Amino acid sequence: DYGYLWWLPRILGRGSFLAIGNFGQYLLCVPPGLVIVHQRDVPDDT
């Protein structure tokens, strides 16, 4: 589902929120304290 600028993954339960960026970058917060960040190294010319 969608909040204000956050995706809300139903399968992770209430209070979880997710940002999805370009080139497969992610930021996920799952209460009470799990945070997962996935970064990508993308060349500037790309």
All heavy atoms as atom14 arrays in JSON, in Angstrom:
{
  "sequence": "DYGYLWWLPRILGRGSFLAIGNFGQYLLCVPPGLVIVHQRDVPDDT",
  "atom14_mask": [
    [1, 1, 1, 1, 1, 1, 1, 1, 0, 0, 0, 0, 0, 0],
    [1, 1, 1, 1, 1, 1, 1, 1, 1, 1, 1, 1, 0, 0],
    [1, 1, 1, 1, 0, 0, 0, 0, 0, 0, 0, 0, 0, 0],
    [1, 1, 1, 1, 1, 1, 1, 1, 1, 1, 1, 1, 0, 0],
    [1, 1, 1, 1, 1, 1, 1, 1, 0, 0, 0, 0, 0, 0],
    [1, 1, 1, 1, 1, 1, 1, 1, 1, 1, 1, 1, 1, 1],
    [1, 1, 1, 1, 1, 1, 1, 1, 1, 1, 1, 1, 1, 1],
    [1, 1, 1, 1, 1, 1, 1, 1, 0, 0, 0, 0, 0, 0],
    [1, 1, 1, 1, 1, 1, 1, 0, 0, 0, 0, 0, 0, 0],
    [1, 1, 1, 1, 1, 1, 1, 1, 1, 1, 1, 0, 0, 0],
    [1, 1, 1, 1, 1, 1, 1, 1, 0, 0, 0, 0, 0, 0],
    [1, 1, 1, 1, 1, 1, 1, 1, 0, 0, 0, 0, 0, 0],
    [1, 1, 1, 1, 0, 0, 0, 0, 0, 0, 0, 0, 0, 0],
    [1, 1, 1, 1, 1, 1, 1, 1, 1, 1, 1, 0, 0, 0],
    [1, 1, 1, 1, 0, 0, 0, 0, 0, 0, 0, 0, 0, 0],
    [1, 1, 1, 1, 1, 1, 0, 0, 0, 0, 0, 0, 0, 0],
    [1, 1, 1, 1, 1, 1, 1, 1, 1, 1, 1, 0, 0, 0],
    [1, 1, 1, 1, 1, 1, 1, 1, 0, 0, 0, 0, 0, 0],
    [1, 1, 1, 1, 1, 0, 0, 0, 0, 0, 0, 0, 0, 0],
    [1, 1, 1, 1, 1, 1, 1, 1, 0, 0, 0, 0, 0, 0],
    [1, 1, 1, 1, 0, 0, 0, 0, 0, 0, 0, 0, 0, 0],
    [1, 1, 1, 1, 1, 1, 1, 1, 0, 0, 0, 0, 0, 0],
    [1, 1, 1, 1, 1, 1, 1, 1, 1, 1, 1, 0, 0, 0],
    [1, 1, 1, 1, 0, 0, 0, 0, 0, 0, 0, 0, 0, 0],
    [1, 1, 1, 1, 1, 1, 1, 1, 1, 0, 0, 0, 0, 0],
    [1, 1, 1, 1, 1, 1, 1, 1, 1, 1, 1, 1, 0, 0],
    [1, 1, 1, 1, 1, 1, 1, 1, 0, 0, 0, 0, 0, 0],
    [1, 1, 1, 1, 1, 1, 1, 1, 0, 0, 0, 0, 0, 0],
    [1, 1, 1, 1, 1, 1, 0, 0, 0, 0, 0, 0, 0, 0],
    [1, 1, 1, 1, 1, 1, 1, 0, 0, 0, 0, 0, 0, 0],
    [1, 1, 1, 1, 1, 1, 1, 0, 0, 0, 0, 0, 0, 0],
    [1, 1, 1, 1, 1, 1, 1, 0, 0, 0, 0, 0, 0, 0],
    [1, 1, 1, 1, 0, 0, 0, 0, 0, 0, 0, 0, 0, 0],
    [1, 1, 1, 1, 1, 1, 1, 1, 0, 0, 0, 0, 0, 0],
    [1, 1, 1, 1, 1, 1, 1, 0, 0, 0, 0, 0, 0, 0],
    [1, 1, 1, 1, 1, 1, 1, 1, 0, 0, 0, 0, 0, 0],
    [1, 1, 1, 1, 1, 1, 1, 0, 0, 0, 0, 0, 0, 0],
    [1, 1, 1, 1, 1, 1, 1, 1, 1, 1, 0, 0, 0, 0],
    [1, 1, 1, 1, 1, 1, 1, 1, 1, 0, 0, 0, 0, 0],
    [1, 1, 1, 1, 1, 1, 1, 1, 1, 1, 1, 0, 0, 0],
    [1, 1, 1, 1, 1, 1, 1, 1, 0, 0, 0, 0, 0, 0],
    [1, 1, 1, 1, 1, 1, 1, 0, 0, 0, 0, 0, 0, 0],
    [1, 1, 1, 1, 1, 1, 1, 0, 0, 0, 0, 0, 0, 0],
    [1, 1, 1, 1, 1, 1, 1, 1, 0, 0, 0, 0, 0, 0],
    [1, 1, 1, 1, 1, 1, 1, 1, 0, 0, 0, 0, 0, 0],
    [1, 1, 1, 1, 1, 1, 1, 0, 0, 0, 0, 0, 0, 0]
  ],
  "atom14_positions": [
    [[0.87, -1.17, 0.0], [0.0, 0.0, 0.0], [0.91, 1.23, 0.0], [2.14, 1.11, -0.02], [-0.92, 0.0, 1.22], [-2.01, -1.06, 1.11], [-2.57, -1.21, 0.01], [-2.29, -1.72, 2.12], [0.0, 0.0, 0.0], [0.0, 0.0, 0.0], [0.0, 0.0, 0.0], [0.0, 0.0, 0.0], [0.0, 0.0, 0.0], [0.0, 0.0, 0.0]],
    [[0.32, 2.41, 0.04], [1.13, 3.63, -0.03], [0.7, 4.61, 1.03], [-0.48, 4.8, 1.29], [1.0, 4.27, -1.43], [2.08, 5.26, -1.73], [3.39, 4.84, -1.94], [1.82, 6.61, -1.79], [4.4, 5.75, -2.22], [2.82, 7.53, -2.07], [4.11, 7.09, -2.28], [5.12, 7.98, -2.54], [0.0, 0.0, 0.0], [0.0, 0.0, 0.0]],
    [[1.7, 5.2, 1.71], [1.46, 6.27, 2.67], [1.85, 7.59, 2.02], [1.64, 7.77, 0.82], [0.0, 0.0, 0.0], [0.0, 0.0, 0.0], [0.0, 0.0, 0.0], [0.0, 0.0, 0.0], [0.0, 0.0, 0.0], [0.0, 0.0, 0.0], [0.0, 0.0, 0.0], [0.0, 0.0, 0.0], [0.0, 0.0, 0.0], [0.0, 0.0, 0.0]],
    [[2.42, 8.49, 2.78], [2.97, 9.72, 2.22], [4.46, 9.5, 1.98], [5.26, 9.55, 2.9], [2.77, 10.9, 3.16], [1.33, 11.31, 3.35], [0.83, 11.56, 4.62], [0.46, 11.45, 2.28], [-0.49, 11.94, 4.81], [-0.85, 11.83, 2.45], [-1.32, 12.07, 3.72], [-2.62, 12.45, 3.9], [0.0, 0.0, 0.0], [0.0, 0.0, 0.0]],
    [[4.84, 9.23, 0.75], [6.21, 8.99, 0.3], [6.8, 7.66, 0.78], [7.99, 7.42, 0.61], [7.14, 10.15, 0.69], [6.73, 11.52, 0.16], [7.67, 12.59, 0.7], [6.68, 11.54, -1.35], [0.0, 0.0, 0.0], [0.0, 0.0, 0.0], [0.0, 0.0, 0.0], [0.0, 0.0, 0.0], [0.0, 0.0, 0.0], [0.0, 0.0, 0.0]],
    [[6.0, 6.8, 1.39], [6.48, 5.5, 1.86], [5.6, 4.4, 1.29], [4.38, 4.53, 1.24], [6.41, 5.4, 3.39], [7.28, 6.35, 4.12], [6.88, 7.48, 4.79], [8.69, 6.26, 4.29], [7.96, 8.1, 5.36], [9.09, 7.37, 5.06], [9.66, 5.37, 3.87], [10.41, 7.61, 5.42], [10.97, 5.6, 4.22], [11.33, 6.71, 4.99]],
    [[6.21, 3.3, 0.89], [5.47, 2.08, 0.59], [5.25, 1.35, 1.91], [6.11, 1.38, 2.79], [6.26, 1.2, -0.39], [6.36, 1.8, -1.74], [7.44, 2.44, -2.27], [5.34, 1.86, -2.73], [7.16, 2.89, -3.52], [5.86, 2.55, -3.84], [4.02, 1.41, -2.78], [5.13, 2.77, -4.99], [3.29, 1.64, -3.94], [3.84, 2.31, -5.02]],
    [[4.13, 0.67, 2.02], [3.76, -0.03, 3.26], [3.57, -1.51, 2.95], [2.52, -1.91, 2.44], [2.48, 0.6, 3.84], [2.53, 2.13, 3.96], [1.16, 2.67, 4.34], [3.58, 2.56, 4.95], [0.0, 0.0, 0.0], [0.0, 0.0, 0.0], [0.0, 0.0, 0.0], [0.0, 0.0, 0.0], [0.0, 0.0, 0.0], [0.0, 0.0, 0.0]],
    [[4.58, -2.33, 3.23], [4.51, -3.75, 2.9], [3.53, -4.5, 3.82], [3.74, -4.58, 5.02], [5.93, -4.26, 3.06], [6.68, -3.2, 3.78], [5.87, -1.96, 3.78], [0.0, 0.0, 0.0], [0.0, 0.0, 0.0], [0.0, 0.0, 0.0], [0.0, 0.0, 0.0], [0.0, 0.0, 0.0], [0.0, 0.0, 0.0], [0.0, 0.0, 0.0]],
    [[2.48, -5.02, 3.24], [1.46, -5.73, 4.01], [2.01, -6.96, 4.72], [1.63, -7.25, 5.85], [0.31, -6.17, 3.1], [-0.49, -5.03, 2.56], [-1.6, -5.55, 1.66], [-2.35, -4.44, 1.09], [-3.36, -4.6, 0.28], [-3.75, -5.81, -0.08], [-4.0, -3.55, -0.2], [0.0, 0.0, 0.0], [0.0, 0.0, 0.0], [0.0, 0.0, 0.0]],
    [[2.93, -7.67, 4.06], [3.41, -8.94, 4.62], [4.28, -8.76, 5.86], [4.54, -9.72, 6.57], [4.16, -9.78, 3.57], [5.39, -9.03, 3.05], [3.24, -10.16, 2.44], [6.26, -9.87, 2.15], [0.0, 0.0, 0.0], [0.0, 0.0, 0.0], [0.0, 0.0, 0.0], [0.0, 0.0, 0.0], [0.0, 0.0, 0.0], [0.0, 0.0, 0.0]],
    [[4.75, -7.54, 6.12], [5.61, -7.31, 7.28], [4.86, -6.74, 8.47], [5.44, -6.54, 9.52], [6.77, -6.39, 6.9], [7.7, -6.96, 5.84], [8.77, -5.94, 5.49], [8.32, -8.26, 6.3], [0.0, 0.0, 0.0], [0.0, 0.0, 0.0], [0.0, 0.0, 0.0], [0.0, 0.0, 0.0], [0.0, 0.0, 0.0], [0.0, 0.0, 0.0]],
    [[3.59, -6.45, 8.29], [2.78, -6.0, 9.41], [2.69, -4.5, 9.55], [3.45, -3.74, 8.94], [0.0, 0.0, 0.0], [0.0, 0.0, 0.0], [0.0, 0.0, 0.0], [0.0, 0.0, 0.0], [0.0, 0.0, 0.0], [0.0, 0.0, 0.0], [0.0, 0.0, 0.0], [0.0, 0.0, 0.0], [0.0, 0.0, 0.0], [0.0, 0.0, 0.0]],
    [[1.77, -4.11, 10.38], [1.49, -2.69, 10.62], [2.73, -1.98, 11.19], [3.42, -2.52, 12.05], [0.33, -2.59, 11.59], [-0.19, -1.21, 11.79], [-1.41, -1.24, 12.71], [-1.88, 0.08, 12.95], [-2.93, 0.62, 12.32], [-3.6, -0.1, 11.46], [-3.3, 1.84, 12.58], [0.0, 0.0, 0.0], [0.0, 0.0, 0.0], [0.0, 0.0, 0.0]],
    [[2.98, -0.8, 10.71], [4.1, 0.0, 11.2], [5.35, -0.12, 10.34], [6.27, 0.67, 10.49], [0.0, 0.0, 0.0], [0.0, 0.0, 0.0], [0.0, 0.0, 0.0], [0.0, 0.0, 0.0], [0.0, 0.0, 0.0], [0.0, 0.0, 0.0], [0.0, 0.0, 0.0], [0.0, 0.0, 0.0], [0.0, 0.0, 0.0], [0.0, 0.0, 0.0]],
    [[5.4, -1.11, 9.46], [6.56, -1.26, 8.58], [6.45, -0.27, 7.42], [5.35, -0.02, 6.92], [6.62, -2.67, 8.01], [6.76, -3.61, 9.05], [0.0, 0.0, 0.0], [0.0, 0.0, 0.0], [0.0, 0.0, 0.0], [0.0, 0.0, 0.0], [0.0, 0.0, 0.0], [0.0, 0.0, 0.0], [0.0, 0.0, 0.0], [0.0, 0.0, 0.0]],
    [[7.58, 0.27, 6.99], [7.55, 1.16, 5.83], [8.83, 1.01, 5.02], [9.86, 0.58, 5.53], [7.29, 2.62, 6.23], [8.22, 3.18, 7.27], [9.33, 3.91, 6.9], [7.97, 2.98, 8.62], [10.18, 4.46, 7.86], [8.8, 3.52, 9.59], [9.92, 4.26, 9.2], [0.0, 0.0, 0.0], [0.0, 0.0, 0.0], [0.0, 0.0, 0.0]],
    [[8.72, 1.35, 3.74], [9.76, 1.03, 2.77], [9.92, 2.17, 1.78], [8.92, 2.7, 1.28], [9.36, -0.24, 2.02], [10.13, -0.7, 0.81], [11.53, -1.17, 1.2], [9.38, -1.84, 0.12], [0.0, 0.0, 0.0], [0.0, 0.0, 0.0], [0.0, 0.0, 0.0], [0.0, 0.0, 0.0], [0.0, 0.0, 0.0], [0.0, 0.0, 0.0]],
    [[11.16, 2.56, 1.48], [11.47, 3.49, 0.4], [12.18, 2.69, -0.69], [13.04, 1.85, -0.39], [12.36, 4.62, 0.89], [0.0, 0.0, 0.0], [0.0, 0.0, 0.0], [0.0, 0.0, 0.0], [0.0, 0.0, 0.0], [0.0, 0.0, 0.0], [0.0, 0.0, 0.0], [0.0, 0.0, 0.0], [0.0, 0.0, 0.0], [0.0, 0.0, 0.0]],
    [[11.79, 2.93, -1.93], [12.4, 2.25, -3.07], [12.99, 3.33, -3.97], [12.27, 4.19, -4.46], [11.37, 1.41, -3.85], [10.72, 0.37, -2.92], [12.04, 0.72, -5.04], [9.58, -0.4, -3.56], [0.0, 0.0, 0.0], [0.0, 0.0, 0.0], [0.0, 0.0, 0.0], [0.0, 0.0, 0.0], [0.0, 0.0, 0.0], [0.0, 0.0, 0.0]],
    [[14.3, 3.27, -4.17], [14.98, 4.28, -4.98], [15.37, 3.76, -6.34], [15.11, 2.61, -6.7], [0.0, 0.0, 0.0], [0.0, 0.0, 0.0], [0.0, 0.0, 0.0], [0.0, 0.0, 0.0], [0.0, 0.0, 0.0], [0.0, 0.0, 0.0], [0.0, 0.0, 0.0], [0.0, 0.0, 0.0], [0.0, 0.0, 0.0], [0.0, 0.0, 0.0]],
    [[16.01, 4.62, -7.1], [16.49, 4.24, -8.43], [17.57, 3.16, -8.33], [18.33, 3.12, -7.38], [17.09, 5.46, -9.14], [16.02, 6.41, -9.61], [14.92, 5.99, -9.99], [16.33, 7.69, -9.6], [0.0, 0.0, 0.0], [0.0, 0.0, 0.0], [0.0, 0.0, 0.0], [0.0, 0.0, 0.0], [0.0, 0.0, 0.0], [0.0, 0.0, 0.0]],
    [[17.61, 2.33, -9.34], [18.67, 1.33, -9.49], [18.7, 0.3, -8.37], [19.75, -0.22, -8.01], [20.05, 2.0, -9.61], [20.14, 3.04, -10.68], [20.2, 4.38, -10.38], [20.13, 2.66, -12.02], [20.28, 5.34, -11.37], [20.21, 3.62, -13.02], [20.28, 4.96, -12.7], [0.0, 0.0, 0.0], [0.0, 0.0, 0.0], [0.0, 0.0, 0.0]],
    [[17.56, 0.0, -7.76], [17.5, -1.05, -6.75], [18.02, -0.66, -5.39], [18.62, -1.48, -4.7], [0.0, 0.0, 0.0], [0.0, 0.0, 0.0], [0.0, 0.0, 0.0], [0.0, 0.0, 0.0], [0.0, 0.0, 0.0], [0.0, 0.0, 0.0], [0.0, 0.0, 0.0], [0.0, 0.0, 0.0], [0.0, 0.0, 0.0], [0.0, 0.0, 0.0]],
    [[17.79, 0.57, -4.98], [18.16, 1.0, -3.63], [16.92, 0.92, -2.75], [15.82, 1.29, -3.18], [18.69, 2.43, -3.66], [19.93, 2.57, -4.51], [20.36, 4.01, -4.64], [20.01, 4.86, -3.84], [21.15, 4.28, -5.66], [0.0, 0.0, 0.0], [0.0, 0.0, 0.0], [0.0, 0.0, 0.0], [0.0, 0.0, 0.0], [0.0, 0.0, 0.0]],
    [[17.09, 0.43, -1.52], [15.97, 0.23, -0.62], [16.31, 0.68, 0.8], [17.46, 0.58, 1.22], [15.59, -1.26, -0.55], [15.11, -1.82, -1.86], [16.0, -2.36, -2.77], [13.76, -1.82, -2.18], [15.57, -2.87, -3.98], [13.32, -2.34, -3.38], [14.24, -2.85, -4.28], [13.79, -3.35, -5.48], [0.0, 0.0, 0.0], [0.0, 0.0, 0.0]],
    [[15.3, 1.12, 1.51], [15.38, 1.4, 2.94], [14.11, 0.84, 3.56], [13.01, 1.23, 3.17], [15.46, 2.91, 3.2], [15.25, 3.32, 4.66], [16.48, 2.96, 5.48], [14.94, 4.79, 4.78], [0.0, 0.0, 0.0], [0.0, 0.0, 0.0], [0.0, 0.0, 0.0], [0.0, 0.0, 0.0], [0.0, 0.0, 0.0], [0.0, 0.0, 0.0]],
    [[14.25, -0.09, 4.48], [13.11, -0.74, 5.11], [13.21, -0.62, 6.62], [14.27, -0.89, 7.19], [13.06, -2.23, 4.74], [12.02, -3.08, 5.46], [10.6, -2.67, 5.05], [12.26, -4.55, 5.21], [0.0, 0.0, 0.0], [0.0, 0.0, 0.0], [0.0, 0.0, 0.0], [0.0, 0.0, 0.0], [0.0, 0.0, 0.0], [0.0, 0.0, 0.0]],
    [[12.12, -0.23, 7.26], [12.03, -0.17, 8.72], [10.89, -1.07, 9.17], [9.77, -0.95, 8.68], [11.76, 1.25, 9.19], [13.08, 2.39, 8.74], [0.0, 0.0, 0.0], [0.0, 0.0, 0.0], [0.0, 0.0, 0.0], [0.0, 0.0, 0.0], [0.0, 0.0, 0.0], [0.0, 0.0, 0.0], [0.0, 0.0, 0.0], [0.0, 0.0, 0.0]],
    [[11.2, -2.0, 10.08], [10.21, -2.92, 10.63], [10.28, -2.8, 12.14], [11.29, -3.16, 12.75], [10.49, -4.39, 10.22], [9.41, -5.31, 10.78], [10.59, -4.52, 8.7], [0.0, 0.0, 0.0], [0.0, 0.0, 0.0], [0.0, 0.0, 0.0], [0.0, 0.0, 0.0], [0.0, 0.0, 0.0], [0.0, 0.0, 0.0], [0.0, 0.0, 0.0]],
    [[9.23, -2.24, 12.75], [9.24, -2.1, 14.21], [9.34, -3.47, 14.89], [8.87, -4.45, 14.33], [7.91, -1.45, 14.52], [7.47, -0.82, 13.26], [8.04, -1.67, 12.16], [0.0, 0.0, 0.0], [0.0, 0.0, 0.0], [0.0, 0.0, 0.0], [0.0, 0.0, 0.0], [0.0, 0.0, 0.0], [0.0, 0.0, 0.0], [0.0, 0.0, 0.0]],
    [[10.0, -3.56, 16.05], [10.41, -2.44, 16.88], [11.81, -1.9, 16.59], [12.16, -0.85, 17.1], [10.35, -3.0, 18.3], [10.68, -4.44, 18.14], [10.11, -4.82, 16.79], [0.0, 0.0, 0.0], [0.0, 0.0, 0.0], [0.0, 0.0, 0.0], [0.0, 0.0, 0.0], [0.0, 0.0, 0.0], [0.0, 0.0, 0.0], [0.0, 0.0, 0.0]],
    [[12.65, -2.57, 15.78], [14.0, -2.03, 15.64], [14.81, -2.58, 14.48], [16.03, -2.45, 14.49], [0.0, 0.0, 0.0], [0.0, 0.0, 0.0], [0.0, 0.0, 0.0], [0.0, 0.0, 0.0], [0.0, 0.0, 0.0], [0.0, 0.0, 0.0], [0.0, 0.0, 0.0], [0.0, 0.0, 0.0], [0.0, 0.0, 0.0], [0.0, 0.0, 0.0]],
    [[14.17, -3.18, 13.49], [14.93, -3.71, 12.36], [14.95, -2.68, 11.24], [13.91, -2.18, 10.8], [14.28, -5.0, 11.84], [14.91, -5.63, 10.6], [16.35, -6.06, 10.88], [14.08, -6.82, 10.13], [0.0, 0.0, 0.0], [0.0, 0.0, 0.0], [0.0, 0.0, 0.0], [0.0, 0.0, 0.0], [0.0, 0.0, 0.0], [0.0, 0.0, 0.0]],
    [[16.16, -2.33, 10.78], [16.34, -1.42, 9.65], [17.28, -2.11, 8.67], [18.37, -2.56, 9.05], [16.94, -0.06, 10.09], [17.2, 0.82, 8.88], [16.02, 0.62, 11.08], [0.0, 0.0, 0.0], [0.0, 0.0, 0.0], [0.0, 0.0, 0.0], [0.0, 0.0, 0.0], [0.0, 0.0, 0.0], [0.0, 0.0, 0.0], [0.0, 0.0, 0.0]],
    [[16.85, -2.21, 7.42], [17.67, -2.8, 6.37], [17.84, -1.77, 5.26], [16.86, -1.23, 4.76], [17.04, -4.09, 5.8], [16.87, -5.14, 6.91], [17.88, -4.64, 4.65], [16.14, -6.39, 6.47], [0.0, 0.0, 0.0], [0.0, 0.0, 0.0], [0.0, 0.0, 0.0], [0.0, 0.0, 0.0], [0.0, 0.0, 0.0], [0.0, 0.0, 0.0]],
    [[19.09, -1.5, 4.9], [19.4, -0.56, 3.83], [20.17, -1.32, 2.76], [21.14, -2.02, 3.05], [20.26, 0.61, 4.36], [20.66, 1.55, 3.23], [19.53, 1.35, 5.47], [0.0, 0.0, 0.0], [0.0, 0.0, 0.0], [0.0, 0.0, 0.0], [0.0, 0.0, 0.0], [0.0, 0.0, 0.0], [0.0, 0.0, 0.0], [0.0, 0.0, 0.0]],
    [[19.73, -1.18, 1.52], [20.43, -1.78, 0.38], [20.84, -0.65, -0.54], [20.01, 0.04, -1.09], [19.53, -2.77, -0.36], [20.22, -3.42, -1.51], [20.21, -2.89, -2.77], [20.97, -4.55, -1.57], [20.91, -3.68, -3.57], [21.38, -4.68, -2.87], [0.0, 0.0, 0.0], [0.0, 0.0, 0.0], [0.0, 0.0, 0.0], [0.0, 0.0, 0.0]],
    [[22.16, -0.44, -0.66], [22.69, 0.62, -1.51], [23.28, 0.02, -2.78], [23.66, -1.15, -2.8], [23.79, 1.39, -0.79], [23.33, 2.09, 0.45], [24.47, 2.82, 1.13], [25.63, 2.49, 0.97], [24.12, 3.82, 1.92], [0.0, 0.0, 0.0], [0.0, 0.0, 0.0], [0.0, 0.0, 0.0], [0.0, 0.0, 0.0], [0.0, 0.0, 0.0]],
    [[23.38, 0.83, -3.79], [24.0, 0.42, -5.05], [25.08, 1.4, -5.42], [24.94, 2.6, -5.2], [22.96, 0.42, -6.19], [21.9, -0.62, -6.09], [22.44, -2.03, -6.25], [23.34, -2.17, -7.38], [22.98, -2.57, -8.59], [21.76, -2.89, -8.84], [23.87, -2.66, -9.55], [0.0, 0.0, 0.0], [0.0, 0.0, 0.0], [0.0, 0.0, 0.0]],
    [[26.16, 0.9, -6.0], [27.2, 1.74, -6.55], [26.92, 1.85, -8.05], [27.13, 0.89, -8.79], [28.57, 1.12, -6.29], [29.71, 1.97, -6.83], [29.49, 3.16, -7.07], [30.8, 1.43, -7.0], [0.0, 0.0, 0.0], [0.0, 0.0, 0.0], [0.0, 0.0, 0.0], [0.0, 0.0, 0.0], [0.0, 0.0, 0.0], [0.0, 0.0, 0.0]],
    [[26.4, 2.98, -8.47], [26.04, 3.19, -9.86], [26.94, 4.28, -10.43], [27.03, 5.37, -9.85], [24.54, 3.61, -9.99], [24.17, 3.85, -11.42], [23.65, 2.56, -9.35], [0.0, 0.0, 0.0], [0.0, 0.0, 0.0], [0.0, 0.0, 0.0], [0.0, 0.0, 0.0], [0.0, 0.0, 0.0], [0.0, 0.0, 0.0], [0.0, 0.0, 0.0]],
    [[27.6, 3.99, -11.55], [28.51, 4.98, -12.13], [27.77, 6.28, -12.5], [26.62, 6.25, -12.94], [29.05, 4.3, -13.4], [28.78, 2.84, -13.2], [27.58, 2.75, -12.3], [0.0, 0.0, 0.0], [0.0, 0.0, 0.0], [0.0, 0.0, 0.0], [0.0, 0.0, 0.0], [0.0, 0.0, 0.0], [0.0, 0.0, 0.0], [0.0, 0.0, 0.0]],
    [[28.47, 7.41, -12.35], [27.87, 8.71, -12.65], [27.35, 8.79, -14.08], [26.3, 9.37, -14.33], [28.88, 9.84, -12.41], [29.16, 10.05, -10.93], [28.36, 9.6, -10.1], [30.19, 10.69, -10.62], [0.0, 0.0, 0.0], [0.0, 0.0, 0.0], [0.0, 0.0, 0.0], [0.0, 0.0, 0.0], [0.0, 0.0, 0.0], [0.0, 0.0, 0.0]],
    [[28.1, 8.22, -15.06], [27.64, 8.33, -16.45], [26.32, 7.59, -16.67], [25.51, 8.0, -17.49], [28.72, 7.86, -17.43], [29.19, 6.44, -17.21], [28.88, 5.85, -16.14], [29.88, 5.9, -18.09], [0.0, 0.0, 0.0], [0.0, 0.0, 0.0], [0.0, 0.0, 0.0], [0.0, 0.0, 0.0], [0.0, 0.0, 0.0], [0.0, 0.0, 0.0]],
    [[26.08, 6.55, -15.9], [24.81, 5.83, -15.99], [23.67, 6.67, -15.42], [22.58, 6.74, -16.0], [24.91, 4.48, -15.25], [25.95, 3.71, -15.85], [23.6, 3.71, -15.31], [0.0, 0.0, 0.0], [0.0, 0.0, 0.0], [0.0, 0.0, 0.0], [0.0, 0.0, 0.0], [0.0, 0.0, 0.0], [0.0, 0.0, 0.0], [0.0, 0.0, 0.0]]
  ]
}
